[in-house]
Amino acid sequence: MSVETILIRYRVRPEHLSEHLRLLRAVHDEVARVRPSGLRYVTFQLDDERSFVDVAMGPELPGPLPSLESFRRYRAGLEDRCEERATFDFTVVGSYGFGE
């Protein structure tokens, strides 16, 4: 089974930052409870506090994420909350400590 990888970089509008963080934390809380097999999912908040990078790895992405209620709520208004958003596929060249 091959592992797919995706990186999403986005910047949240300042008036939506609190709501965005609440929704995002709910997704990560639900993922931690459900523990979907094979999924690796991390979100980084950058120093400007409004820019984020999500990295997801797993078989057949988006995998189980769309089946989670918290993820559906998170995605529902994402385009309105963001002032820019870009998605990238990538290949891991090397890794240390990222749960190989």
C-alpha atoms as a PDB file:
ATOM      1  CA  MET A   1       0.000   0.000   0.000  1.00  0.00           C
ATOM      2  CA  SER A   2       1.494   3.321  -1.043  1.00  0.00           C
ATOM      3  CA  VAL A   3       1.435   6.365   1.187  1.00  0.00           C
ATOM      4  CA  GLU A   4       0.193   9.624  -0.260  1.00  0.00           C
ATOM      5  CA  THR A   5       1.392  12.975   1.022  1.00  0.00           C
ATOM      6  CA  ILE A   6      -0.073  16.446   0.834  1.00  0.00           C
ATOM      7  CA  LEU A   7       0.958  19.849   2.167  1.00  0.00           C
ATOM      8  CA  ILE A   8      -1.501  22.719   2.459  1.00  0.00           C
ATOM      9  CA  ARG A   9      -0.323  26.250   3.177  1.00  0.00           C
ATOM     10  CA  TYR A  10      -2.878  28.899   4.017  1.00  0.00           C
ATOM     11  CA  ARG A  11      -3.374  32.248   5.719  1.00  0.00           C
ATOM     12  CA  VAL A  12      -6.466  32.974   7.803  1.00  0.00           C
ATOM     13  CA  ARG A  13      -8.214  36.330   7.795  1.00  0.00           C
ATOM     14  CA  PRO A  14      -7.586  38.100  11.144  1.00  0.00           C
ATOM     15  CA  GLU A  15     -11.292  38.307  12.020  1.00  0.00           C
ATOM     16  CA  HIS A  16     -11.601  34.500  11.690  1.00  0.00           C
ATOM     17  CA  LEU A  17      -8.487  33.417  13.594  1.00  0.00           C
ATOM     18  CA  SER A  18     -10.188  32.469  16.897  1.00  0.00           C
ATOM     19  CA  GLU A  19     -12.921  30.515  15.129  1.00  0.00           C
ATOM     20  CA  HIS A  20     -10.366  28.801  12.903  1.00  0.00           C
ATOM     21  CA  LEU A  21      -8.231  27.699  15.844  1.00  0.00           C
ATOM     22  CA  ARG A  22     -11.291  26.350  17.682  1.00  0.00           C
ATOM     23  CA  LEU A  23     -12.386  24.322  14.644  1.00  0.00           C
ATOM     24  CA  LEU A  24      -8.869  23.094  13.946  1.00  0.00           C
ATOM     25  CA  ARG A  25      -8.347  21.952  17.542  1.00  0.00           C
ATOM     26  CA  ALA A  26     -11.624  20.042  17.362  1.00  0.00           C
ATOM     27  CA  VAL A  27     -10.354  18.166  14.282  1.00  0.00           C
ATOM     28  CA  HIS A  28      -7.100  17.229  15.980  1.00  0.00           C
ATOM     29  CA  ASP A  29      -8.971  16.188  19.148  1.00  0.00           C
ATOM     30  CA  GLU A  30     -11.284  13.924  17.144  1.00  0.00           C
ATOM     31  CA  VAL A  31      -8.406  12.423  15.148  1.00  0.00           C
ATOM     32  CA  ALA A  32      -6.647  11.650  18.449  1.00  0.00           C
ATOM     33  CA  ARG A  33      -9.800   9.935  19.781  1.00  0.00           C
ATOM     34  CA  VAL A  34     -10.587   7.972  16.613  1.00  0.00           C
ATOM     35  CA  ARG A  35      -6.937   7.136  15.780  1.00  0.00           C
ATOM     36  CA  PRO A  36      -7.476   6.377  12.055  1.00  0.00           C
ATOM     37  CA  SER A  37      -5.140   3.636  10.880  1.00  0.00           C
ATOM     38  CA  GLY A  38      -2.227   4.841   8.754  1.00  0.00           C
ATOM     39  CA  LEU A  39      -3.072   8.552   8.953  1.00  0.00           C
ATOM     40  CA  ARG A  40      -0.433  11.083   9.963  1.00  0.00           C
ATOM     41  CA  TYR A  41      -1.695  14.631  10.247  1.00  0.00           C
ATOM     42  CA  VAL A  42       0.049  17.688  11.670  1.00  0.00           C
ATOM     43  CA  THR A  43      -0.701  21.405  11.615  1.00  0.00           C
ATOM     44  CA  PHE A  44       1.923  24.094  12.146  1.00  0.00           C
ATOM     45  CA  GLN A  45       0.980  27.671  13.044  1.00  0.00           C
ATOM     46  CA  LEU A  46       3.671  30.051  11.807  1.00  0.00           C
ATOM     47  CA  ASP A  47       5.109  33.047  13.661  1.00  0.00           C
ATOM     48  CA  ASP A  48       2.712  35.565  12.130  1.00  0.00           C
ATOM     49  CA  GLU A  49      -0.082  33.567  13.883  1.00  0.00           C
ATOM     50  CA  ARG A  50      -2.322  33.672  10.805  1.00  0.00           C
ATOM     51  CA  SER A  51      -0.349  31.364   8.506  1.00  0.00           C
ATOM     52  CA  PHE A  52      -0.639  27.596   8.798  1.00  0.00           C
ATOM     53  CA  VAL A  53       0.848  24.520   7.177  1.00  0.00           C
ATOM     54  CA  ASP A  54      -0.981  21.181   7.277  1.00  0.00           C
ATOM     55  CA  VAL A  55       0.819  17.977   6.360  1.00  0.00           C
ATOM     56  CA  ALA A  56      -1.168  14.785   5.860  1.00  0.00           C
ATOM     57  CA  MET A  57       0.264  11.386   5.043  1.00  0.00           C
ATOM     58  CA  GLY A  58      -1.609   8.147   4.605  1.00  0.00           C
ATOM     59  CA  PRO A  59      -3.105   5.681   2.188  1.00  0.00           C
ATOM     60  CA  GLU A  60      -5.713   7.075  -0.192  1.00  0.00           C
ATOM     61  CA  LEU A  61      -5.859  10.651   1.072  1.00  0.00           C
ATOM     62  CA  PRO A  62      -7.929  12.395   2.252  1.00  0.00           C
ATOM     63  CA  GLY A  63      -8.548   9.046   3.924  1.00  0.00           C
ATOM     64  CA  PRO A  64     -10.850   9.125   6.937  1.00  0.00           C
ATOM     65  CA  LEU A  65     -10.800  12.909   7.450  1.00  0.00           C
ATOM     66  CA  PRO A  66     -14.007  13.731   5.499  1.00  0.00           C
ATOM     67  CA  SER A  67     -15.914  11.162   7.568  1.00  0.00           C
ATOM     68  CA  LEU A  68     -15.172  13.059  10.792  1.00  0.00           C
ATOM     69  CA  GLU A  69     -17.879  15.496  11.914  1.00  0.00           C
ATOM     70  CA  SER A  70     -15.293  17.979  13.208  1.00  0.00           C
ATOM     71  CA  PHE A  71     -13.486  17.953   9.841  1.00  0.00           C
ATOM     72  CA  ARG A  72     -16.743  18.618   7.965  1.00  0.00           C
ATOM     73  CA  ARG A  73     -17.412  21.630  10.244  1.00  0.00           C
ATOM     74  CA  TYR A  74     -13.811  22.811   9.748  1.00  0.00           C
ATOM     75  CA  ARG A  75     -14.011  22.538   5.945  1.00  0.00           C
ATOM     76  CA  ALA A  76     -17.478  24.110   5.694  1.00  0.00           C
ATOM     77  CA  GLY A  77     -16.260  27.703   5.928  1.00  0.00           C
ATOM     78  CA  LEU A  78     -12.577  27.294   5.197  1.00  0.00           C
ATOM     79  CA  GLU A  79     -12.583  29.208   1.915  1.00  0.00           C
ATOM     80  CA  ASP A  80     -14.282  32.185   3.582  1.00  0.00           C
ATOM     81  CA  ARG A  81     -11.880  32.122   6.550  1.00  0.00           C
ATOM     82  CA  CYS A  82      -8.765  32.093   4.355  1.00  0.00           C
ATOM     83  CA  GLU A  83      -7.305  34.932   2.329  1.00  0.00           C
ATOM     84  CA  GLU A  84      -4.942  32.572   0.492  1.00  0.00           C
ATOM     85  CA  ARG A  85      -4.587  28.824   0.212  1.00  0.00           C
ATOM     86  CA  ALA A  86      -2.351  26.480  -1.811  1.00  0.00           C
ATOM     87  CA  THR A  87      -2.005  22.704  -1.895  1.00  0.00           C
ATOM     88  CA  PHE A  88       1.156  20.805  -2.800  1.00  0.00           C
ATOM     89  CA  ASP A  89       2.016  17.148  -3.283  1.00  0.00           C
ATOM     90  CA  PHE A  90       5.488  16.265  -2.046  1.00  0.00           C
ATOM     91  CA  THR A  91       7.921  13.418  -1.579  1.00  0.00           C
ATOM     92  CA  VAL A  92       9.730  12.815   1.701  1.00  0.00           C
ATOM     93  CA  VAL A  93      13.455  12.807   0.960  1.00  0.00           C
ATOM     94  CA  GLY A  94      14.540  12.177   4.527  1.00  0.00           C
ATOM     95  CA  SER A  95      12.991  12.210   7.949  1.00  0.00           C
ATOM     96  CA  TYR A  96      14.034  11.882  11.537  1.00  0.00           C
ATOM     97  CA  GLY A  97      11.503  11.524  14.342  1.00  0.00           C
ATOM     98  CA  PHE A  98       8.393  11.922  12.214  1.00  0.00           C
ATOM     99  CA  GLY A  99       7.046   8.475  13.013  1.00  0.00           C
ATOM    100  CA  GLU A 100       8.736   6.524  10.260  1.00  0.00           C
END
